[in-house]
Every structure is written in structure tokens, then in C-alpha cells.
Amino acid sequence: MKAIHVISAVIGGAIAGAAVGLLFAPEKGSDARSKIADCLKKKGICLKKNKMEELVEEIEDQLNESI
């Protein structure tokens, strides 16, 4: 298989995956972050909004590094 076919398949798959993810996402990101913060509060961990954003960015960076 030619490299251009592999690259096209990967890009096409990424676009399709993103589209499906947006269409079937259960809720908005802000709602999901609120639920995560509530869950952490119940466990005795209190994060302020700016700390939550830092945590989200750190997780995003870790995910990007692993991909």
C-alpha cells in the first residue's frame, strides 16, 4: 500500500471520528467538567476553576504525548 493511501486513511478516519464524537457527545465540556468537580468535591478534593483548567490542560498534554 502506498504511503499516500495510508496517510489519507488516517486523516479520513480522524475526521470521521471527530464528527461522530461531536454528534454523539453526551454533554457539553463545561457540564462534564462541572460533574468531575462535583465528584472530586464529594471525595474531599476541592479544585478552583483555574486549577480545574490547569488539570484539563495537563491531561490534554499527556494524551497528546501518548498519541
N, C-alpha and C. Protein backbone atom coordinates (compact mmCIF):
# COMPACT_ATOMS: atom_id res chain seq x y z
N MET A 1 0.84 -1.17 0.00
CA MET A 1 0.00 0.00 0.00
C MET A 1 0.89 1.24 0.00
N LYS A 2 0.54 2.21 -0.79
CA LYS A 2 1.34 3.42 -0.89
C LYS A 2 1.16 4.29 0.35
N ALA A 3 2.20 5.05 0.66
CA ALA A 3 2.17 5.90 1.85
C ALA A 3 1.04 6.93 1.78
N ILE A 4 0.76 7.44 0.59
CA ILE A 4 -0.29 8.45 0.45
C ILE A 4 -1.66 7.85 0.80
N HIS A 5 -1.86 6.57 0.52
CA HIS A 5 -3.12 5.91 0.86
C HIS A 5 -3.24 5.76 2.37
N VAL A 6 -2.15 5.43 3.02
CA VAL A 6 -2.16 5.28 4.48
C VAL A 6 -2.44 6.63 5.13
N ILE A 7 -1.78 7.66 4.66
CA ILE A 7 -1.98 9.00 5.21
C ILE A 7 -3.42 9.45 4.99
N SER A 8 -3.94 9.21 3.81
CA SER A 8 -5.33 9.58 3.51
C SER A 8 -6.31 8.83 4.41
N ALA A 9 -6.04 7.56 4.65
CA ALA A 9 -6.91 6.76 5.51
C ALA A 9 -6.88 7.27 6.94
N VAL A 10 -5.70 7.62 7.43
CA VAL A 10 -5.57 8.14 8.79
C VAL A 10 -6.29 9.47 8.93
N ILE A 11 -6.09 10.37 8.00
CA ILE A 11 -6.75 11.68 8.05
C ILE A 11 -8.26 11.51 7.93
N GLY A 12 -8.71 10.68 7.02
CA GLY A 12 -10.14 10.43 6.87
C GLY A 12 -10.75 9.83 8.13
N GLY A 13 -10.04 8.90 8.75
CA GLY A 13 -10.51 8.30 9.99
C GLY A 13 -10.59 9.30 11.13
N ALA A 14 -9.60 10.19 11.20
CA ALA A 14 -9.61 11.22 12.24
C ALA A 14 -10.78 12.18 12.06
N ILE A 15 -11.03 12.57 10.83
CA ILE A 15 -12.16 13.48 10.55
C ILE A 15 -13.48 12.79 10.87
N ALA A 16 -13.62 11.55 10.46
CA ALA A 16 -14.86 10.82 10.73
C ALA A 16 -15.04 10.62 12.24
N GLY A 17 -13.98 10.30 12.94
CA GLY A 17 -14.06 10.12 14.39
C GLY A 17 -14.44 11.40 15.11
N ALA A 18 -13.87 12.51 14.68
CA ALA A 18 -14.21 13.80 15.29
C ALA A 18 -15.67 14.15 15.05
N ALA A 19 -16.14 13.90 13.83
CA ALA A 19 -17.54 14.20 13.51
C ALA A 19 -18.49 13.34 14.34
N VAL A 20 -18.19 12.06 14.45
CA VAL A 20 -19.05 11.17 15.25
C VAL A 20 -18.99 11.58 16.72
N GLY A 21 -17.81 11.93 17.20
CA GLY A 21 -17.67 12.37 18.58
C GLY A 21 -18.50 13.61 18.88
N LEU A 22 -18.50 14.56 17.96
CA LEU A 22 -19.30 15.77 18.15
C LEU A 22 -20.80 15.47 18.10
N LEU A 23 -21.19 14.59 17.22
CA LEU A 23 -22.61 14.29 17.08
C LEU A 23 -23.15 13.49 18.26
N PHE A 24 -22.35 12.61 18.82
CA PHE A 24 -22.82 11.74 19.88
C PHE A 24 -22.30 12.10 21.27
N ALA A 25 -21.67 13.25 21.42
CA ALA A 25 -21.18 13.67 22.72
C ALA A 25 -22.37 13.80 23.68
N PRO A 26 -22.26 13.21 24.86
CA PRO A 26 -23.40 13.21 25.77
C PRO A 26 -23.72 14.58 26.35
N GLU A 27 -22.73 15.44 26.45
CA GLU A 27 -22.97 16.76 27.04
C GLU A 27 -21.84 17.72 26.68
N LYS A 28 -22.06 18.98 27.00
CA LYS A 28 -21.04 19.99 26.74
C LYS A 28 -19.84 19.77 27.65
N GLY A 29 -18.69 20.23 27.22
CA GLY A 29 -17.48 20.09 28.01
C GLY A 29 -17.57 20.77 29.36
N SER A 30 -18.20 21.94 29.41
CA SER A 30 -18.33 22.65 30.69
C SER A 30 -19.19 21.85 31.67
N ASP A 31 -20.23 21.18 31.15
CA ASP A 31 -21.07 20.34 32.01
C ASP A 31 -20.28 19.15 32.54
N ALA A 32 -19.47 18.55 31.68
CA ALA A 32 -18.66 17.41 32.09
C ALA A 32 -17.64 17.83 33.15
N ARG A 33 -17.01 19.00 32.97
CA ARG A 33 -16.06 19.49 33.97
C ARG A 33 -16.75 19.75 35.29
N SER A 34 -17.97 20.27 35.26
CA SER A 34 -18.73 20.52 36.49
C SER A 34 -19.00 19.20 37.22
N LYS A 35 -19.38 18.18 36.47
CA LYS A 35 -19.64 16.88 37.09
C LYS A 35 -18.37 16.29 37.70
N ILE A 36 -17.25 16.46 37.01
CA ILE A 36 -15.98 15.96 37.54
C ILE A 36 -15.63 16.71 38.82
N ALA A 37 -15.81 18.04 38.82
CA ALA A 37 -15.52 18.84 40.01
C ALA A 37 -16.42 18.41 41.17
N ASP A 38 -17.70 18.17 40.91
CA ASP A 38 -18.62 17.72 41.96
C ASP A 38 -18.19 16.37 42.53
N CYS A 39 -17.79 15.47 41.65
CA CYS A 39 -17.34 14.15 42.09
C CYS A 39 -16.10 14.28 42.97
N LEU A 40 -15.17 15.14 42.57
CA LEU A 40 -13.96 15.35 43.36
C LEU A 40 -14.28 15.98 44.71
N LYS A 41 -15.24 16.92 44.74
CA LYS A 41 -15.64 17.55 46.00
C LYS A 41 -16.22 16.52 46.96
N LYS A 42 -17.00 15.58 46.44
CA LYS A 42 -17.58 14.53 47.29
C LYS A 42 -16.49 13.67 47.92
N LYS A 43 -15.36 13.56 47.23
CA LYS A 43 -14.25 12.76 47.74
C LYS A 43 -13.30 13.60 48.59
N GLY A 44 -13.65 14.87 48.81
CA GLY A 44 -12.84 15.73 49.67
C GLY A 44 -11.76 16.50 48.94
N ILE A 45 -11.79 16.50 47.63
CA ILE A 45 -10.79 17.23 46.83
C ILE A 45 -11.47 18.46 46.26
N CYS A 46 -10.99 19.63 46.63
CA CYS A 46 -11.61 20.87 46.15
C CYS A 46 -10.68 21.56 45.16
N LEU A 47 -11.17 21.75 43.95
CA LEU A 47 -10.40 22.44 42.92
C LEU A 47 -11.13 23.71 42.52
N LYS A 48 -10.39 24.80 42.47
CA LYS A 48 -10.98 26.04 41.96
C LYS A 48 -11.00 25.97 40.45
N LYS A 49 -11.73 26.88 39.82
CA LYS A 49 -11.89 26.83 38.37
C LYS A 49 -10.55 26.88 37.65
N ASN A 50 -9.66 27.76 38.08
CA ASN A 50 -8.37 27.86 37.40
C ASN A 50 -7.54 26.58 37.59
N LYS A 51 -7.66 25.93 38.75
CA LYS A 51 -6.96 24.66 38.97
C LYS A 51 -7.56 23.57 38.10
N MET A 52 -8.88 23.61 37.92
CA MET A 52 -9.54 22.62 37.07
C MET A 52 -9.06 22.78 35.64
N GLU A 53 -8.95 24.02 35.18
CA GLU A 53 -8.46 24.28 33.82
C GLU A 53 -7.02 23.79 33.67
N GLU A 54 -6.20 24.00 34.70
CA GLU A 54 -4.82 23.51 34.66
C GLU A 54 -4.80 21.99 34.57
N LEU A 55 -5.68 21.33 35.33
CA LEU A 55 -5.76 19.88 35.30
C LEU A 55 -6.18 19.38 33.92
N VAL A 56 -7.16 20.05 33.32
CA VAL A 56 -7.62 19.68 31.98
C VAL A 56 -6.48 19.83 30.98
N GLU A 57 -5.74 20.93 31.06
CA GLU A 57 -4.62 21.15 30.14
C GLU A 57 -3.53 20.11 30.34
N GLU A 58 -3.27 19.74 31.60
CA GLU A 58 -2.25 18.73 31.87
C GLU A 58 -2.66 17.37 31.30
N ILE A 59 -3.92 17.00 31.48
CA ILE A 59 -4.41 15.74 30.94
C ILE A 59 -4.34 15.77 29.41
N GLU A 60 -4.72 16.90 28.82
CA GLU A 60 -4.67 17.04 27.36
C GLU A 60 -3.24 16.88 26.86
N ASP A 61 -2.29 17.50 27.54
CA ASP A 61 -0.89 17.38 27.15
C ASP A 61 -0.41 15.93 27.23
N GLN A 62 -0.79 15.23 28.30
CA GLN A 62 -0.41 13.84 28.46
C GLN A 62 -0.99 12.98 27.34
N LEU A 63 -2.24 13.24 26.99
CA LEU A 63 -2.87 12.48 25.91
C LEU A 63 -2.20 12.75 24.57
N ASN A 64 -1.86 14.02 24.32
CA ASN A 64 -1.20 14.36 23.06
C ASN A 64 0.18 13.72 22.97
N GLU A 65 0.89 13.63 24.10
CA GLU A 65 2.21 13.00 24.10
C GLU A 65 2.12 11.50 23.84
N SER A 66 1.04 10.87 24.32
CA SER A 66 0.93 9.44 24.16
C SER A 66 0.46 9.04 22.75
N ILE A 67 -0.09 9.98 22.02
CA ILE A 67 -0.58 9.70 20.66
C ILE A 67 0.51 9.86 19.71
